[in-house]
Amino acid sequence: MELTFYLGVDPSKIALGAKMKLGFINGKSRRPYQDFEQWTKADCLVISWLRNSMSKNIVESFLYINTARVLWLELEARFGVSDGAMIYQLQREIASTTQGELSVSAYFSKLKKLWDELSCLVSAPSCTCGASKEITNMRTADNLMQFLMGLNDTFDHVRNQILMMEPLPNATKAYSMVLRVEKQREVNSVFTNSLQNLGMQARSSEQGRDFSTRNNWKKGFQTDKKNQKCGHCGKSEHLREQCF
């Protein structure tokens, strides 16, 4: 558990909700007069789950709290972040996120996580007047632009193609298009490297053959020279024309 977290979307609440134990931290599951032992057992189990989700440097501060509800309120008081501060933090992180050294997949996953957290904090209003749909469409367009703006310049071509589409796709569709370009480049890079390796091997083989040919010619020349005999002096390794 981080020292700073937003309790409204904390993973601990999701886990407790899945196990039908959310009432122990939100106050809805109060200590009963009957089945007290069973309730205490469940409450202690929730306390254990919460402590296990904390980092070791802070868990010792909560060893002597005896109910899950009190423990949750303590966590909320110490480490909870207000909606406004969290929204500011998320918006700032989204605006500063760029691809950089990340792959397209890792970059999009990072943005998607931030978008989902922000969506939990700023939900669209429920209505029948069409405002909710309009707000959702605006968010979809914002996410697309944020994704495209953070891409590296090497994706300029596909980025321009996406911006020329009518209607504009959502960020997930744009991500799929950019990902295909990245994968194609990886395939092309492997193919190019293979061709370069084959070229180097061919040149090395050709150089080896040239060296072998020159070496054989030299050996043959030296052998012929040894077999030569001068008709003037009678000595070997030269002819009459070369005798001085």
C-alpha atoms as a PDB file:
ATOM      1  CA  MET A   1       0.000   0.000   0.000  1.00  0.00           C
ATOM      2  CA  GLU A   2       1.394   3.400  -0.943  1.00  0.00           C
ATOM      3  CA  LEU A   3       1.765   6.130   1.648  1.00  0.00           C
ATOM      4  CA  THR A   4      -0.433   8.293  -0.543  1.00  0.00           C
ATOM      5  CA  PHE A   5      -3.452   6.716  -2.179  1.00  0.00           C
ATOM      6  CA  TYR A   6      -7.021   7.482  -3.072  1.00  0.00           C
ATOM      7  CA  LEU A   7      -9.309   5.383  -0.890  1.00  0.00           C
ATOM      8  CA  GLY A   8     -12.215   5.611  -3.318  1.00  0.00           C
ATOM      9  CA  VAL A   9     -10.453   3.473  -5.918  1.00  0.00           C
ATOM     10  CA  ASP A  10      -7.948   1.627  -3.718  1.00  0.00           C
ATOM     11  CA  PRO A  11      -7.457  -2.019  -4.785  1.00  0.00           C
ATOM     12  CA  SER A  12      -8.122  -3.103  -1.189  1.00  0.00           C
ATOM     13  CA  LYS A  13     -11.752  -1.997  -1.518  1.00  0.00           C
ATOM     14  CA  ILE A  14     -12.145  -3.917  -4.768  1.00  0.00           C
ATOM     15  CA  ALA A  15     -10.737  -7.076  -3.168  1.00  0.00           C
ATOM     16  CA  LEU A  16     -12.962  -6.722  -0.107  1.00  0.00           C
ATOM     17  CA  GLY A  17     -16.010  -6.110  -2.266  1.00  0.00           C
ATOM     18  CA  ALA A  18     -15.279  -9.288  -4.218  1.00  0.00           C
ATOM     19  CA  LYS A  19     -15.140 -11.225  -0.932  1.00  0.00           C
ATOM     20  CA  MET A  20     -18.357  -9.671   0.398  1.00  0.00           C
ATOM     21  CA  LYS A  21     -16.436  -7.962   3.206  1.00  0.00           C
ATOM     22  CA  LEU A  22     -16.679  -4.300   2.180  1.00  0.00           C
ATOM     23  CA  GLY A  23     -19.180  -3.608   4.958  1.00  0.00           C
ATOM     24  CA  PHE A  24     -16.488  -4.151   7.570  1.00  0.00           C
ATOM     25  CA  ILE A  25     -14.601  -1.014   6.465  1.00  0.00           C
ATOM     26  CA  ASN A  26     -17.459   1.250   5.360  1.00  0.00           C
ATOM     27  CA  GLY A  27     -19.380   0.808   8.619  1.00  0.00           C
ATOM     28  CA  LYS A  28     -22.374  -1.064   7.190  1.00  0.00           C
ATOM     29  CA  SER A  29     -21.457  -4.341   8.886  1.00  0.00           C
ATOM     30  CA  ARG A  30     -21.803  -3.402  12.552  1.00  0.00           C
ATOM     31  CA  ARG A  31     -20.935  -5.594  15.511  1.00  0.00           C
ATOM     32  CA  PRO A  32     -24.041  -7.709  16.244  1.00  0.00           C
ATOM     33  CA  TYR A  33     -25.442  -8.850  19.564  1.00  0.00           C
ATOM     34  CA  GLN A  34     -25.836 -12.356  18.199  1.00  0.00           C
ATOM     35  CA  ASP A  35     -23.234 -14.351  16.241  1.00  0.00           C
ATOM     36  CA  PHE A  36     -20.618 -12.096  17.792  1.00  0.00           C
ATOM     37  CA  GLU A  37     -17.827 -14.667  17.483  1.00  0.00           C
ATOM     38  CA  GLN A  38     -18.516 -15.216  13.789  1.00  0.00           C
ATOM     39  CA  TRP A  39     -18.520 -11.467  13.119  1.00  0.00           C
ATOM     40  CA  THR A  40     -15.261 -11.006  15.086  1.00  0.00           C
ATOM     41  CA  LYS A  41     -13.621 -13.784  13.101  1.00  0.00           C
ATOM     42  CA  ALA A  42     -14.573 -12.117   9.806  1.00  0.00           C
ATOM     43  CA  ASP A  43     -13.502  -8.678  11.067  1.00  0.00           C
ATOM     44  CA  CYS A  44     -10.086 -10.018  12.125  1.00  0.00           C
ATOM     45  CA  LEU A  45      -9.713 -11.571   8.688  1.00  0.00           C
ATOM     46  CA  VAL A  46     -10.309  -8.157   7.059  1.00  0.00           C
ATOM     47  CA  ILE A  47      -7.783  -6.551   9.414  1.00  0.00           C
ATOM     48  CA  SER A  48      -5.255  -9.194   8.382  1.00  0.00           C
ATOM     49  CA  TRP A  49      -5.899  -8.533   4.675  1.00  0.00           C
ATOM     50  CA  LEU A  50      -5.431  -4.797   5.151  1.00  0.00           C
ATOM     51  CA  ARG A  51      -2.213  -5.191   7.130  1.00  0.00           C
ATOM     52  CA  ASN A  52      -0.787  -7.574   4.552  1.00  0.00           C
ATOM     53  CA  SER A  53      -1.395  -4.942   1.861  1.00  0.00           C
ATOM     54  CA  MET A  54       0.695  -2.356   3.733  1.00  0.00           C
ATOM     55  CA  SER A  55       4.435  -1.844   3.422  1.00  0.00           C
ATOM     56  CA  LYS A  56       6.499  -3.047   6.381  1.00  0.00           C
ATOM     57  CA  ASN A  57       7.599   0.423   7.418  1.00  0.00           C
ATOM     58  CA  ILE A  58       4.046   1.515   8.301  1.00  0.00           C
ATOM     59  CA  VAL A  59       2.268  -1.690   9.363  1.00  0.00           C
ATOM     60  CA  GLU A  60       3.710  -1.493  12.901  1.00  0.00           C
ATOM     61  CA  SER A  61       1.736   1.711  13.458  1.00  0.00           C
ATOM     62  CA  PHE A  62      -1.521  -0.244  13.204  1.00  0.00           C
ATOM     63  CA  LEU A  63      -0.814  -3.404  15.221  1.00  0.00           C
ATOM     64  CA  TYR A  64      -3.098  -2.520  18.129  1.00  0.00           C
ATOM     65  CA  ILE A  65      -6.225  -1.383  16.272  1.00  0.00           C
ATOM     66  CA  ASN A  66      -8.938  -3.927  17.002  1.00  0.00           C
ATOM     67  CA  THR A  67     -11.572  -3.392  14.265  1.00  0.00           C
ATOM     68  CA  ALA A  68     -11.352  -3.137  10.480  1.00  0.00           C
ATOM     69  CA  ARG A  69     -13.546  -0.022  10.460  1.00  0.00           C
ATOM     70  CA  VAL A  70     -11.243   1.867  12.846  1.00  0.00           C
ATOM     71  CA  LEU A  71      -8.182   0.703  10.910  1.00  0.00           C
ATOM     72  CA  TRP A  72      -9.672   1.975   7.650  1.00  0.00           C
ATOM     73  CA  LEU A  73     -10.539   5.346   9.163  1.00  0.00           C
ATOM     74  CA  GLU A  74      -6.963   5.661  10.454  1.00  0.00           C
ATOM     75  CA  LEU A  75      -5.585   4.878   7.010  1.00  0.00           C
ATOM     76  CA  GLU A  76      -7.946   7.394   5.454  1.00  0.00           C
ATOM     77  CA  ALA A  77      -6.924  10.108   7.925  1.00  0.00           C
ATOM     78  CA  ARG A  78      -3.178   9.540   7.507  1.00  0.00           C
ATOM     79  CA  PHE A  79      -2.738   8.674   3.866  1.00  0.00           C
ATOM     80  CA  GLY A  80      -5.917   9.557   2.045  1.00  0.00           C
ATOM     81  CA  VAL A  81      -5.802  12.149  -0.725  1.00  0.00           C
ATOM     82  CA  SER A  82      -8.661  14.493  -1.517  1.00  0.00           C
ATOM     83  CA  ASP A  83     -10.394  14.233  -4.887  1.00  0.00           C
ATOM     84  CA  GLY A  84      -9.100  17.626  -6.012  1.00  0.00           C
ATOM     85  CA  ALA A  85      -5.469  16.839  -5.219  1.00  0.00           C
ATOM     86  CA  MET A  86      -5.705  13.415  -6.850  1.00  0.00           C
ATOM     87  CA  ILE A  87      -7.333  14.812  -9.992  1.00  0.00           C
ATOM     88  CA  TYR A  88      -4.596  17.425 -10.254  1.00  0.00           C
ATOM     89  CA  GLN A  89      -1.898  14.794  -9.787  1.00  0.00           C
ATOM     90  CA  LEU A  90      -3.405  12.485 -12.421  1.00  0.00           C
ATOM     91  CA  GLN A  91      -3.993  15.264 -14.955  1.00  0.00           C
ATOM     92  CA  ARG A  92      -0.441  16.483 -14.516  1.00  0.00           C
ATOM     93  CA  GLU A  93       0.991  12.986 -14.966  1.00  0.00           C
ATOM     94  CA  ILE A  94      -1.133  12.373 -18.060  1.00  0.00           C
ATOM     95  CA  ALA A  95      -0.004  15.659 -19.612  1.00  0.00           C
ATOM     96  CA  SER A  96       3.673  14.857 -19.016  1.00  0.00           C
ATOM     97  CA  THR A  97       3.581  11.230 -20.174  1.00  0.00           C
ATOM     98  CA  THR A  98       5.404  10.559 -23.443  1.00  0.00           C
ATOM     99  CA  GLN A  99       6.607   7.396 -25.149  1.00  0.00           C
ATOM    100  CA  GLY A 100      10.328   8.065 -24.858  1.00  0.00           C
ATOM    101  CA  GLU A 101      12.162   4.736 -24.558  1.00  0.00           C
ATOM    102  CA  LEU A 102       8.937   2.769 -23.979  1.00  0.00           C
ATOM    103  CA  SER A 103       7.425   0.421 -26.508  1.00  0.00           C
ATOM    104  CA  VAL A 104       4.046   1.428 -27.941  1.00  0.00           C
ATOM    105  CA  SER A 105       2.355  -1.231 -25.807  1.00  0.00           C
ATOM    106  CA  ALA A 106       4.009  -0.096 -22.553  1.00  0.00           C
ATOM    107  CA  TYR A 107       3.314   3.571 -23.338  1.00  0.00           C
ATOM    108  CA  PHE A 108      -0.384   2.972 -24.028  1.00  0.00           C
ATOM    109  CA  SER A 109      -0.759   0.758 -20.932  1.00  0.00           C
ATOM    110  CA  LYS A 110       0.708   3.524 -18.771  1.00  0.00           C
ATOM    111  CA  LEU A 111      -1.717   6.091 -20.171  1.00  0.00           C
ATOM    112  CA  LYS A 112      -4.676   3.694 -19.935  1.00  0.00           C
ATOM    113  CA  LYS A 113      -4.036   3.154 -16.228  1.00  0.00           C
ATOM    114  CA  LEU A 114      -4.019   6.913 -15.610  1.00  0.00           C
ATOM    115  CA  TRP A 115      -7.200   7.412 -17.668  1.00  0.00           C
ATOM    116  CA  ASP A 116      -9.009   4.696 -15.724  1.00  0.00           C
ATOM    117  CA  GLU A 117      -8.004   6.194 -12.380  1.00  0.00           C
ATOM    118  CA  LEU A 118      -9.175   9.621 -13.500  1.00  0.00           C
ATOM    119  CA  SER A 119     -12.442   8.182 -14.767  1.00  0.00           C
ATOM    120  CA  CYS A 120     -13.149   6.734 -11.309  1.00  0.00           C
ATOM    121  CA  LEU A 121     -12.685  10.164  -9.767  1.00  0.00           C
ATOM    122  CA  VAL A 122     -14.559  12.213 -12.363  1.00  0.00           C
ATOM    123  CA  SER A 123     -17.533  10.186 -13.516  1.00  0.00           C
ATOM    124  CA  ALA A 124     -19.919  11.389 -16.180  1.00  0.00           C
ATOM    125  CA  PRO A 125     -23.340  12.533 -14.880  1.00  0.00           C
ATOM    126  CA  SER A 126     -26.285  10.173 -15.253  1.00  0.00           C
ATOM    127  CA  CYS A 127     -29.009  11.843 -17.274  1.00  0.00           C
ATOM    128  CA  THR A 128     -31.301  11.445 -20.264  1.00  0.00           C
ATOM    129  CA  CYS A 129     -30.575  14.825 -21.872  1.00  0.00           C
ATOM    130  CA  GLY A 130     -27.513  13.685 -23.824  1.00  0.00           C
ATOM    131  CA  ALA A 131     -24.968  15.559 -21.692  1.00  0.00           C
ATOM    132  CA  SER A 132     -23.498  12.312 -20.370  1.00  0.00           C
ATOM    133  CA  LYS A 133     -22.858  11.016 -23.886  1.00  0.00           C
ATOM    134  CA  GLU A 134     -21.349  14.346 -24.922  1.00  0.00           C
ATOM    135  CA  ILE A 135     -18.954  14.331 -21.956  1.00  0.00           C
ATOM    136  CA  THR A 136     -17.956  10.737 -22.734  1.00  0.00           C
ATOM    137  CA  ASN A 137     -17.245  11.698 -26.354  1.00  0.00           C
ATOM    138  CA  MET A 138     -15.090  14.613 -25.210  1.00  0.00           C
ATOM    139  CA  ARG A 139     -13.085  12.340 -22.949  1.00  0.00           C
ATOM    140  CA  THR A 140     -12.630   9.863 -25.781  1.00  0.00           C
ATOM    141  CA  ALA A 141     -11.286  12.630 -28.033  1.00  0.00           C
ATOM    142  CA  ASP A 142      -9.009  13.944 -25.256  1.00  0.00           C
ATOM    143  CA  ASN A 143      -7.550  10.487 -24.681  1.00  0.00           C
ATOM    144  CA  LEU A 144      -6.850  10.087 -28.393  1.00  0.00           C
ATOM    145  CA  MET A 145      -5.030  13.420 -28.596  1.00  0.00           C
ATOM    146  CA  GLN A 146      -3.013  12.697 -25.451  1.00  0.00           C
ATOM    147  CA  PHE A 147      -1.920   9.358 -26.884  1.00  0.00           C
ATOM    148  CA  LEU A 148      -0.948  10.819 -30.258  1.00  0.00           C
ATOM    149  CA  MET A 149       0.881  13.821 -28.792  1.00  0.00           C
ATOM    150  CA  GLY A 150       3.067  11.599 -26.620  1.00  0.00           C
ATOM    151  CA  LEU A 151       4.163   9.314 -29.457  1.00  0.00           C
ATOM    152  CA  ASN A 152       7.737   9.542 -30.695  1.00  0.00           C
ATOM    153  CA  ASP A 153       8.355  11.478 -33.927  1.00  0.00           C
ATOM    154  CA  THR A 154       9.148   8.217 -35.726  1.00  0.00           C
ATOM    155  CA  PHE A 155       5.387   7.637 -35.853  1.00  0.00           C
ATOM    156  CA  ASP A 156       4.593  10.947 -37.559  1.00  0.00           C
ATOM    157  CA  HIS A 157       3.245   9.265 -40.693  1.00  0.00           C
ATOM    158  CA  VAL A 158       0.722   6.991 -38.979  1.00  0.00           C
ATOM    159  CA  ARG A 159      -0.193   9.819 -36.572  1.00  0.00           C
ATOM    160  CA  ASN A 160      -1.099  12.050 -39.536  1.00  0.00           C
ATOM    161  CA  GLN A 161      -3.115   9.220 -41.069  1.00  0.00           C
ATOM    162  CA  ILE A 162      -5.118   8.832 -37.859  1.00  0.00           C
ATOM    163  CA  LEU A 163      -5.790  12.567 -37.592  1.00  0.00           C
ATOM    164  CA  MET A 164      -7.134  12.582 -41.153  1.00  0.00           C
ATOM    165  CA  MET A 165      -9.670   9.822 -40.428  1.00  0.00           C
ATOM    166  CA  GLU A 166     -13.342  10.784 -40.370  1.00  0.00           C
ATOM    167  CA  PRO A 167     -14.699  10.185 -37.800  1.00  0.00           C
ATOM    168  CA  LEU A 168     -11.694  10.068 -35.532  1.00  0.00           C
ATOM    169  CA  PRO A 169     -11.083   6.677 -33.921  1.00  0.00           C
ATOM    170  CA  ASN A 170     -10.861   6.189 -30.179  1.00  0.00           C
ATOM    171  CA  ALA A 171      -7.491   5.811 -28.467  1.00  0.00           C
ATOM    172  CA  THR A 172      -7.671   2.012 -28.435  1.00  0.00           C
ATOM    173  CA  LYS A 173      -8.205   1.852 -32.198  1.00  0.00           C
ATOM    174  CA  ALA A 174      -5.366   4.334 -32.774  1.00  0.00           C
ATOM    175  CA  TYR A 175      -3.132   2.266 -30.526  1.00  0.00           C
ATOM    176  CA  SER A 176      -3.835  -0.834 -32.634  1.00  0.00           C
ATOM    177  CA  MET A 177      -2.859   1.042 -35.807  1.00  0.00           C
ATOM    178  CA  VAL A 178       0.387   2.361 -34.309  1.00  0.00           C
ATOM    179  CA  LEU A 179       1.202  -1.058 -32.851  1.00  0.00           C
ATOM    180  CA  ARG A 180       0.911  -2.660 -36.296  1.00  0.00           C
ATOM    181  CA  VAL A 181       3.403  -0.120 -37.664  1.00  0.00           C
ATOM    182  CA  GLU A 182       5.823  -0.863 -34.811  1.00  0.00           C
ATOM    183  CA  LYS A 183       5.556  -4.640 -35.359  1.00  0.00           C
ATOM    184  CA  GLN A 184       6.101  -4.224 -39.112  1.00  0.00           C
ATOM    185  CA  ARG A 185       9.240  -2.187 -38.423  1.00  0.00           C
ATOM    186  CA  GLU A 186      10.526  -4.912 -36.134  1.00  0.00           C
ATOM    187  CA  VAL A 187       9.961  -7.515 -38.866  1.00  0.00           C
ATOM    188  CA  ASN A 188      11.702  -5.302 -41.435  1.00  0.00           C
ATOM    189  CA  SER A 189      14.601  -4.743 -39.051  1.00  0.00           C
ATOM    190  CA  VAL A 190      15.074  -8.489 -38.560  1.00  0.00           C
ATOM    191  CA  PHE A 191      14.916  -9.044 -42.332  1.00  0.00           C
ATOM    192  CA  THR A 192      17.447  -6.266 -42.975  1.00  0.00           C
ATOM    193  CA  ASN A 193      19.814  -7.644 -40.354  1.00  0.00           C
ATOM    194  CA  SER A 194      19.532 -11.101 -41.908  1.00  0.00           C
ATOM    195  CA  LEU A 195      20.409  -9.722 -45.347  1.00  0.00           C
ATOM    196  CA  GLN A 196      23.377  -7.849 -43.897  1.00  0.00           C
ATOM    197  CA  ASN A 197      24.629 -11.003 -42.192  1.00  0.00           C
ATOM    198  CA  LEU A 198      24.264 -12.984 -45.424  1.00  0.00           C
ATOM    199  CA  GLY A 199      26.172 -10.241 -47.295  1.00  0.00           C
ATOM    200  CA  MET A 200      28.986 -10.313 -44.753  1.00  0.00           C
ATOM    201  CA  GLN A 201      29.196 -14.092 -44.986  1.00  0.00           C
ATOM    202  CA  ALA A 202      29.273 -13.942 -48.792  1.00  0.00           C
ATOM    203  CA  ARG A 203      32.057 -11.328 -48.780  1.00  0.00           C
ATOM    204  CA  SER A 204      34.032 -13.345 -46.251  1.00  0.00           C
ATOM    205  CA  SER A 205      33.671 -16.479 -48.387  1.00  0.00           C
ATOM    206  CA  GLU A 206      34.712 -14.598 -51.523  1.00  0.00           C
ATOM    207  CA  GLN A 207      37.748 -13.134 -49.796  1.00  0.00           C
ATOM    208  CA  GLY A 208      38.672 -16.628 -48.634  1.00  0.00           C
ATOM    209  CA  ARG A 209      38.476 -17.967 -52.188  1.00  0.00           C
ATOM    210  CA  ASP A 210      40.580 -15.068 -53.517  1.00  0.00           C
ATOM    211  CA  PHE A 211      43.220 -15.673 -50.883  1.00  0.00           C
ATOM    212  CA  SER A 212      43.258 -19.393 -51.649  1.00  0.00           C
ATOM    213  CA  THR A 213      43.626 -18.714 -55.386  1.00  0.00           C
ATOM    214  CA  ARG A 214      46.480 -16.268 -54.844  1.00  0.00           C
ATOM    215  CA  ASN A 215      48.193 -18.660 -52.460  1.00  0.00           C
ATOM    216  CA  ASN A 216      47.895 -21.569 -54.879  1.00  0.00           C
ATOM    217  CA  TRP A 217      49.272 -19.430 -57.731  1.00  0.00           C
ATOM    218  CA  LYS A 218      52.199 -18.345 -55.572  1.00  0.00           C
ATOM    219  CA  LYS A 219      52.981 -21.927 -54.592  1.00  0.00           C
ATOM    220  CA  GLY A 220      52.761 -23.029 -58.228  1.00  0.00           C
ATOM    221  CA  PHE A 221      55.073 -20.191 -59.312  1.00  0.00           C
ATOM    222  CA  GLN A 222      57.600 -21.090 -56.636  1.00  0.00           C
ATOM    223  CA  THR A 223      57.464 -24.764 -57.662  1.00  0.00           C
ATOM    224  CA  ASP A 224      58.014 -23.883 -61.336  1.00  0.00           C
ATOM    225  CA  LYS A 225      60.902 -21.633 -60.378  1.00  0.00           C
ATOM    226  CA  LYS A 226      62.620 -24.416 -58.463  1.00  0.00           C
ATOM    227  CA  ASN A 227      62.298 -26.721 -61.484  1.00  0.00           C
ATOM    228  CA  GLN A 228      64.006 -24.189 -63.780  1.00  0.00           C
ATOM    229  CA  LYS A 229      67.653 -24.791 -64.834  1.00  0.00           C
ATOM    230  CA  CYS A 230      69.967 -22.318 -66.543  1.00  0.00           C
ATOM    231  CA  GLY A 231      71.450 -23.481 -69.877  1.00  0.00           C
ATOM    232  CA  HIS A 232      74.449 -21.197 -69.439  1.00  0.00           C
ATOM    233  CA  CYS A 233      75.748 -21.889 -65.913  1.00  0.00           C
ATOM    234  CA  GLY A 234      73.868 -25.092 -65.148  1.00  0.00           C
ATOM    235  CA  LYS A 235      72.401 -23.763 -61.919  1.00  0.00           C
ATOM    236  CA  SER A 236      68.700 -24.088 -60.939  1.00  0.00           C
ATOM    237  CA  GLU A 237      65.916 -21.613 -60.196  1.00  0.00           C
ATOM    238  CA  HIS A 238      66.635 -19.346 -63.192  1.00  0.00           C
ATOM    239  CA  LEU A 239      66.921 -19.428 -66.978  1.00  0.00           C
ATOM    240  CA  ARG A 240      69.666 -18.359 -69.411  1.00  0.00           C
ATOM    241  CA  GLU A 241      67.913 -14.983 -69.971  1.00  0.00           C
ATOM    242  CA  GLN A 242      68.120 -14.273 -66.233  1.00  0.00           C
ATOM    243  CA  CYS A 243      71.738 -15.409 -65.792  1.00  0.00           C
ATOM    244  CA  PHE A 244      74.203 -12.661 -64.931  1.00  0.00           C
END
